[in-house]
């Protein structure tokens, strides 16, 4: 993956993290609980951290 593609992907991940956190705040739950709910509903996949390891 090129450096530009990595930057674009990182921006997408950052947006998703911020959106999940904001939605969790609105519902009065933790961001991790929100993430788990989204995973159970099939809206997001599990942790993608490994994809960003050098």
Protein backbone atom coordinates (compact mmCIF):
# COMPACT_ATOMS: atom_id res chain seq x y z
CA UNK A 1 0.00 0.00 0.00
CA UNK A 2 1.40 3.41 -0.93
CA UNK A 3 1.99 6.17 1.59
CA UNK A 4 -0.93 8.17 0.18
CA UNK A 5 -3.26 5.15 0.45
CA UNK A 6 -2.17 4.60 4.05
CA UNK A 7 -2.88 8.25 4.87
CA UNK A 8 -6.33 8.06 3.27
CA UNK A 9 -7.13 4.84 5.12
CA UNK A 10 -5.92 6.34 8.40
CA UNK A 11 -8.22 9.33 7.85
CA UNK A 12 -11.17 6.98 7.31
CA UNK A 13 -10.36 5.09 10.49
CA UNK A 14 -10.03 8.34 12.45
CA UNK A 15 -13.44 9.47 11.18
CA UNK A 16 -15.02 6.14 12.16
CA UNK A 17 -13.48 6.29 15.65
CA UNK A 18 -14.78 9.83 16.17
CA UNK A 19 -18.25 8.91 14.88
CA UNK A 20 -18.46 5.84 17.13
CA UNK A 21 -17.38 7.93 20.12
CA UNK A 22 -19.95 10.64 19.37
CA UNK A 23 -22.74 8.10 18.92
CA UNK A 24 -21.75 6.38 22.17
CA UNK A 25 -21.89 9.72 24.01
CA UNK A 26 -25.38 10.35 22.63
CA UNK A 27 -26.54 6.96 23.90
CA UNK A 28 -24.75 7.28 27.25
CA UNK A 29 -22.58 4.19 26.71
CA UNK A 30 -18.85 3.65 26.35
CA UNK A 31 -17.23 3.71 22.91
CA UNK A 32 -16.20 0.07 23.36
CA UNK A 33 -19.80 -0.93 24.05
CA UNK A 34 -20.87 0.97 20.93
CA UNK A 35 -18.20 -0.84 18.89
CA UNK A 36 -19.41 -4.20 20.19
CA UNK A 37 -23.01 -3.36 19.33
CA UNK A 38 -22.02 -2.32 15.81
CA UNK A 39 -20.04 -5.55 15.37
CA UNK A 40 -22.96 -7.69 16.60
CA UNK A 41 -25.27 -5.89 14.17
CA UNK A 42 -22.82 -6.56 11.33
CA UNK A 43 -22.32 -2.85 10.68
CA UNK A 44 -18.57 -2.88 11.29
CA UNK A 45 -15.95 -5.59 11.31
CA UNK A 46 -13.75 -6.38 14.30
CA UNK A 47 -10.51 -4.67 15.24
CA UNK A 48 -8.46 -3.72 12.17
CA UNK A 49 -5.38 -2.67 14.13
CA UNK A 50 -3.23 -5.41 12.59
CA UNK A 51 -3.69 -3.91 9.11
CA UNK A 52 -1.84 -0.77 10.19
CA UNK A 53 1.21 -2.44 11.72
CA UNK A 54 4.45 -1.61 9.82
